[in-house]
Every structure is written in C-alpha cells, then in structure tokens.
C-alpha cells in the first residue's frame, strides 16, 4: 500500500470518527433501578439528560435508599452508554486492520 492511499484512508477514517462522535451525542439510553421507580437518561457522551423518580420511592425518613437507587440507575445507564458507544464505533472501524493493542478512538 502506498503512502498516498494510506493518507486518504486516514482522512476518511477521521471524518467517519467525527460523524460517529456527533451521532453519539444524539443517542440517549436510560438506566433504571428499583423496578423502574428511578430512571436516568444519558446521551452517549455521558451527559445527563433526565432523572425520573416515582413519588412512591421518596421517603424523607430514608434518603440513603433513594441515593443508592439513583447511583444504581446512573451506573446502569453508564453500562448501556459504554455498550452502545462500542457498537457505534465498531460500525466505523469495521474492516480496518489496526496493529495489535491499538484501539480507536486514539
């Protein structure tokens, strides 16, 4: 493969990566806990978009339970963001042969 062809492929890859990153900002996932009584929506750039609490879960005598459920919902959403992001990025990088140990984005 000549250097000119490699440079062209690198430029195309950079453009695809930028498009994928922009798309990730638009994709939203929801994490939940407490049987759906607490939910958190994040976009795939890890930005919080919404928190929903079922009024039945709010207990002024036990704020720690609500705090724990919010943390669990956030962690659930983060796991879904990571999975969704990996899926989206694999679409961009499919067919590209990277040296062992090198991952995208750099």
N, C-alpha and C. Protein backbone atom coordinates (compact mmCIF):
# COMPACT_ATOMS: atom_id res chain seq x y z
N UNK A 1 0.85 -1.18 0.00
CA UNK A 1 0.00 0.00 0.00
C UNK A 1 0.90 1.24 0.00
N UNK A 2 0.57 2.19 -0.87
CA UNK A 2 1.41 3.39 -0.92
C UNK A 2 0.95 4.41 0.11
N UNK A 3 1.83 5.34 0.41
CA UNK A 3 1.59 6.32 1.47
C UNK A 3 0.41 7.23 1.13
N UNK A 4 0.23 7.58 -0.12
CA UNK A 4 -0.88 8.44 -0.53
C UNK A 4 -2.23 7.78 -0.25
N UNK A 5 -2.31 6.50 -0.54
CA UNK A 5 -3.55 5.75 -0.29
C UNK A 5 -3.82 5.65 1.22
N UNK A 6 -2.76 5.43 1.98
CA UNK A 6 -2.91 5.35 3.43
C UNK A 6 -3.39 6.68 4.00
N UNK A 7 -2.86 7.78 3.52
CA UNK A 7 -3.25 9.11 4.00
C UNK A 7 -4.72 9.38 3.66
N UNK A 8 -5.13 8.99 2.47
CA UNK A 8 -6.53 9.18 2.07
C UNK A 8 -7.45 8.36 2.98
N UNK A 9 -7.07 7.13 3.27
CA UNK A 9 -7.87 6.29 4.16
C UNK A 9 -7.91 6.87 5.57
N UNK A 10 -6.80 7.43 6.01
CA UNK A 10 -6.75 8.04 7.35
C UNK A 10 -7.69 9.25 7.42
N UNK A 11 -7.73 10.05 6.37
CA UNK A 11 -8.62 11.21 6.33
C UNK A 11 -10.09 10.77 6.32
N UNK A 12 -10.38 9.72 5.56
CA UNK A 12 -11.75 9.20 5.53
C UNK A 12 -12.14 8.66 6.91
N UNK A 13 -11.22 7.99 7.55
CA UNK A 13 -11.48 7.45 8.88
C UNK A 13 -11.73 8.58 9.87
N UNK A 14 -10.93 9.64 9.80
CA UNK A 14 -11.11 10.78 10.70
C UNK A 14 -12.50 11.39 10.52
N UNK A 15 -12.93 11.53 9.29
CA UNK A 15 -14.26 12.08 9.02
C UNK A 15 -15.35 11.17 9.60
N UNK A 16 -15.21 9.88 9.40
CA UNK A 16 -16.19 8.93 9.94
C UNK A 16 -16.20 8.96 11.46
N UNK A 17 -15.04 9.11 12.07
CA UNK A 17 -14.96 9.17 13.53
C UNK A 17 -15.67 10.42 14.04
N UNK A 18 -15.48 11.55 13.38
CA UNK A 18 -16.13 12.79 13.78
C UNK A 18 -17.65 12.67 13.66
N UNK A 19 -18.11 12.03 12.59
CA UNK A 19 -19.55 11.82 12.39
C UNK A 19 -20.11 10.90 13.48
N UNK A 20 -19.36 9.85 13.80
CA UNK A 20 -19.80 8.92 14.84
C UNK A 20 -19.86 9.62 16.20
N UNK A 21 -18.88 10.45 16.51
CA UNK A 21 -18.89 11.18 17.78
C UNK A 21 -20.10 12.10 17.87
N UNK A 22 -20.43 12.77 16.78
CA UNK A 22 -21.60 13.65 16.78
C UNK A 22 -22.88 12.84 16.98
N UNK A 23 -22.94 11.69 16.35
CA UNK A 23 -24.12 10.84 16.48
C UNK A 23 -24.27 10.36 17.93
N UNK A 24 -23.16 10.07 18.59
CA UNK A 24 -23.23 9.61 19.98
C UNK A 24 -23.85 10.66 20.89
N UNK A 25 -23.69 11.93 20.55
CA UNK A 25 -24.31 12.99 21.34
C UNK A 25 -25.82 13.01 21.21
N UNK A 26 -26.33 12.38 20.16
CA UNK A 26 -27.77 12.35 19.91
C UNK A 26 -28.44 11.09 20.45
N UNK A 27 -27.67 10.03 20.64
CA UNK A 27 -28.24 8.77 21.10
C UNK A 27 -28.41 8.83 22.61
N UNK A 28 -29.61 8.52 23.07
CA UNK A 28 -29.88 8.51 24.51
C UNK A 28 -30.21 7.10 24.98
N UNK A 29 -29.74 6.78 26.18
CA UNK A 29 -30.05 5.49 26.80
C UNK A 29 -30.60 5.77 28.20
N UNK A 30 -31.39 4.84 28.68
CA UNK A 30 -31.97 5.01 30.01
C UNK A 30 -31.52 3.86 30.90
N UNK A 31 -31.07 4.22 32.09
CA UNK A 31 -30.76 3.24 33.11
C UNK A 31 -31.81 3.35 34.20
N UNK A 32 -32.07 2.24 34.87
CA UNK A 32 -33.10 2.29 35.91
C UNK A 32 -32.72 1.40 37.08
N UNK A 33 -33.43 1.60 38.17
CA UNK A 33 -33.28 0.78 39.37
C UNK A 33 -34.60 0.81 40.13
N UNK A 34 -34.66 -0.01 41.16
CA UNK A 34 -35.88 -0.05 41.97
C UNK A 34 -37.09 -0.48 41.17
N UNK A 35 -36.88 -1.43 40.26
CA UNK A 35 -38.00 -1.89 39.45
C UNK A 35 -38.57 -0.80 38.55
N UNK A 36 -37.73 0.13 38.13
CA UNK A 36 -38.16 1.21 37.26
C UNK A 36 -38.64 2.45 37.99
N UNK A 37 -38.57 2.42 39.32
CA UNK A 37 -39.03 3.58 40.08
C UNK A 37 -38.07 4.76 39.99
N UNK A 38 -36.82 4.48 39.65
CA UNK A 38 -35.81 5.52 39.44
C UNK A 38 -35.22 5.28 38.05
N UNK A 39 -35.19 6.33 37.24
CA UNK A 39 -34.56 6.19 35.92
C UNK A 39 -33.71 7.41 35.63
N UNK A 40 -32.64 7.16 34.89
CA UNK A 40 -31.70 8.21 34.50
C UNK A 40 -31.46 8.06 33.00
N UNK A 41 -31.57 9.17 32.28
CA UNK A 41 -31.30 9.17 30.85
C UNK A 41 -30.01 9.93 30.60
N UNK A 42 -29.10 9.27 29.87
CA UNK A 42 -27.82 9.87 29.47
C UNK A 42 -27.72 9.80 27.96
N UNK A 43 -26.98 10.74 27.37
CA UNK A 43 -26.63 10.54 25.97
C UNK A 43 -25.32 9.76 25.96
N UNK A 44 -24.90 9.36 24.78
CA UNK A 44 -23.70 8.52 24.69
C UNK A 44 -22.40 9.32 24.78
N UNK A 45 -22.51 10.57 25.23
CA UNK A 45 -21.34 11.35 25.60
C UNK A 45 -21.29 11.51 27.11
N UNK A 46 -22.06 10.68 27.80
CA UNK A 46 -22.13 10.67 29.27
C UNK A 46 -22.71 11.94 29.86
N UNK A 47 -23.56 12.62 29.10
CA UNK A 47 -24.23 13.82 29.61
C UNK A 47 -25.61 13.44 30.11
N UNK A 48 -25.92 13.81 31.36
CA UNK A 48 -27.24 13.51 31.91
C UNK A 48 -28.28 14.37 31.22
N UNK A 49 -29.39 13.74 30.85
CA UNK A 49 -30.48 14.44 30.18
C UNK A 49 -31.74 14.49 31.04
N UNK A 50 -31.95 13.46 31.87
CA UNK A 50 -33.19 13.42 32.63
C UNK A 50 -33.05 12.44 33.80
N UNK A 51 -33.69 12.79 34.91
CA UNK A 51 -33.82 11.90 36.06
C UNK A 51 -35.31 11.85 36.38
N UNK A 52 -35.83 10.64 36.54
CA UNK A 52 -37.24 10.47 36.90
C UNK A 52 -37.33 9.65 38.18
N UNK A 53 -38.16 10.14 39.11
CA UNK A 53 -38.37 9.45 40.38
C UNK A 53 -39.87 9.21 40.55
N UNK A 54 -40.24 7.98 40.83
CA UNK A 54 -41.62 7.69 41.18
C UNK A 54 -41.85 8.28 42.57
N UNK A 55 -42.89 9.08 42.76
CA UNK A 55 -43.13 9.71 44.06
C UNK A 55 -43.21 8.71 45.22
N UNK A 56 -43.59 7.48 44.93
CA UNK A 56 -43.70 6.46 45.98
C UNK A 56 -42.34 6.10 46.58
N UNK A 57 -41.28 6.36 45.83
CA UNK A 57 -39.94 5.97 46.28
C UNK A 57 -39.32 7.03 47.20
N UNK A 58 -39.90 8.21 47.24
CA UNK A 58 -39.34 9.30 48.05
C UNK A 58 -39.82 9.16 49.48
N UNK A 59 -38.86 8.88 50.36
CA UNK A 59 -39.15 8.67 51.78
C UNK A 59 -38.20 9.55 52.58
N UNK A 60 -38.73 10.59 53.19
CA UNK A 60 -37.87 11.53 53.92
C UNK A 60 -37.18 10.87 55.12
N UNK A 61 -37.70 9.72 55.56
CA UNK A 61 -37.06 9.01 56.67
C UNK A 61 -35.91 8.13 56.22
N UNK A 62 -35.78 7.93 54.89
CA UNK A 62 -34.73 7.04 54.38
C UNK A 62 -34.12 7.60 53.10
N UNK A 63 -33.46 8.77 53.19
CA UNK A 63 -32.88 9.36 51.98
C UNK A 63 -31.75 8.51 51.39
N UNK A 64 -31.09 7.71 52.23
CA UNK A 64 -29.99 6.88 51.73
C UNK A 64 -30.47 5.86 50.70
N UNK A 65 -31.69 5.34 50.88
CA UNK A 65 -32.22 4.38 49.92
C UNK A 65 -32.38 5.04 48.55
N UNK A 66 -32.95 6.23 48.53
CA UNK A 66 -33.12 6.94 47.27
C UNK A 66 -31.78 7.27 46.64
N UNK A 67 -30.83 7.69 47.45
CA UNK A 67 -29.49 7.98 46.94
C UNK A 67 -28.88 6.73 46.30
N UNK A 68 -29.01 5.59 46.97
CA UNK A 68 -28.48 4.33 46.43
C UNK A 68 -29.16 3.95 45.12
N UNK A 69 -30.47 4.16 45.03
CA UNK A 69 -31.20 3.84 43.81
C UNK A 69 -30.80 4.75 42.66
N UNK A 70 -30.54 6.02 42.96
CA UNK A 70 -30.08 6.94 41.92
C UNK A 70 -28.71 6.52 41.42
N UNK A 71 -27.82 6.18 42.33
CA UNK A 71 -26.49 5.72 41.93
C UNK A 71 -26.59 4.46 41.07
N UNK A 72 -27.45 3.53 41.47
CA UNK A 72 -27.62 2.29 40.71
C UNK A 72 -28.17 2.58 39.31
N UNK A 73 -29.11 3.51 39.20
CA UNK A 73 -29.67 3.87 37.89
C UNK A 73 -28.61 4.53 37.01
N UNK A 74 -27.79 5.39 37.60
CA UNK A 74 -26.71 6.03 36.84
C UNK A 74 -25.73 4.97 36.33
N UNK A 75 -25.34 4.05 37.21
CA UNK A 75 -24.40 3.00 36.80
C UNK A 75 -24.99 2.12 35.70
N UNK A 76 -26.28 1.83 35.78
CA UNK A 76 -26.95 1.05 34.74
C UNK A 76 -26.90 1.81 33.41
N UNK A 77 -27.19 3.11 33.45
CA UNK A 77 -27.15 3.92 32.24
C UNK A 77 -25.74 4.00 31.66
N UNK A 78 -24.74 4.14 32.52
CA UNK A 78 -23.35 4.22 32.05
C UNK A 78 -22.95 2.92 31.34
N UNK A 79 -23.34 1.78 31.90
CA UNK A 79 -23.04 0.50 31.24
C UNK A 79 -23.68 0.44 29.86
N UNK A 80 -24.91 0.94 29.75
CA UNK A 80 -25.60 0.94 28.46
C UNK A 80 -24.95 1.92 27.49
N UNK A 81 -24.48 3.05 27.99
CA UNK A 81 -23.76 4.02 27.15
C UNK A 81 -22.50 3.37 26.59
N UNK A 82 -21.76 2.70 27.44
CA UNK A 82 -20.50 2.07 27.00
C UNK A 82 -20.76 1.04 25.91
N UNK A 83 -21.79 0.22 26.12
CA UNK A 83 -22.13 -0.81 25.15
C UNK A 83 -22.59 -0.20 23.83
N UNK A 84 -23.47 0.79 23.91
CA UNK A 84 -23.98 1.45 22.71
C UNK A 84 -22.85 2.17 21.97
N UNK A 85 -21.99 2.84 22.71
CA UNK A 85 -20.86 3.55 22.09
C UNK A 85 -19.93 2.57 21.39
N UNK A 86 -19.65 1.46 22.04
CA UNK A 86 -18.77 0.44 21.43
C UNK A 86 -19.39 -0.10 20.14
N UNK A 87 -20.69 -0.33 20.17
CA UNK A 87 -21.37 -0.82 18.96
C UNK A 87 -21.28 0.20 17.83
N UNK A 88 -21.53 1.47 18.15
CA UNK A 88 -21.48 2.52 17.13
C UNK A 88 -20.07 2.68 16.56
N UNK A 89 -19.07 2.64 17.43
CA UNK A 89 -17.70 2.82 16.96
C UNK A 89 -17.23 1.61 16.15
N UNK A 90 -17.74 0.42 16.48
CA UNK A 90 -17.34 -0.76 15.71
C UNK A 90 -17.86 -0.68 14.29
N UNK A 91 -18.99 0.02 14.09
CA UNK A 91 -19.50 0.22 12.73
C UNK A 91 -18.52 1.05 11.92
N UNK A 92 -17.91 2.02 12.56
CA UNK A 92 -16.96 2.90 11.88
C UNK A 92 -15.66 2.17 11.59
N UNK A 93 -15.22 1.35 12.52
CA UNK A 93 -13.91 0.73 12.40
C UNK A 93 -13.94 -0.65 11.76
N UNK A 94 -15.12 -1.15 11.39
CA UNK A 94 -15.18 -2.49 10.79
C UNK A 94 -14.39 -2.51 9.50
N UNK A 95 -13.62 -3.54 9.35
CA UNK A 95 -12.81 -3.68 8.15
C UNK A 95 -11.46 -3.01 8.22
N UNK A 96 -11.20 -2.27 9.28
CA UNK A 96 -9.92 -1.59 9.41
C UNK A 96 -8.99 -2.47 10.22
N UNK A 97 -7.84 -2.70 9.72
CA UNK A 97 -6.87 -3.52 10.41
C UNK A 97 -5.91 -2.64 11.18
N UNK A 98 -6.03 -2.66 12.50
CA UNK A 98 -5.13 -1.88 13.35
C UNK A 98 -4.05 -2.79 13.91
N UNK A 99 -2.90 -2.23 14.20
CA UNK A 99 -1.87 -3.03 14.84
C UNK A 99 -2.37 -3.57 16.18
N UNK A 100 -1.89 -4.71 16.62
CA UNK A 100 -2.32 -5.28 17.91
C UNK A 100 -2.14 -4.28 19.05
N UNK A 101 -3.15 -4.18 19.89
CA UNK A 101 -3.11 -3.30 21.04
C UNK A 101 -3.54 -1.88 20.76
N UNK A 102 -3.78 -1.54 19.51
CA UNK A 102 -4.20 -0.18 19.17
C UNK A 102 -5.72 -0.17 19.04
N UNK A 103 -6.35 0.76 19.74
CA UNK A 103 -7.81 0.88 19.70
C UNK A 103 -8.21 2.27 19.27
N UNK A 104 -9.40 2.36 18.70
CA UNK A 104 -9.96 3.65 18.34
C UNK A 104 -11.07 3.98 19.31
N UNK A 105 -11.35 5.25 19.58
CA UNK A 105 -10.54 6.38 19.15
C UNK A 105 -9.22 6.41 19.90
N UNK A 106 -8.22 7.03 19.31
CA UNK A 106 -6.87 7.05 19.86
C UNK A 106 -6.80 7.82 21.13
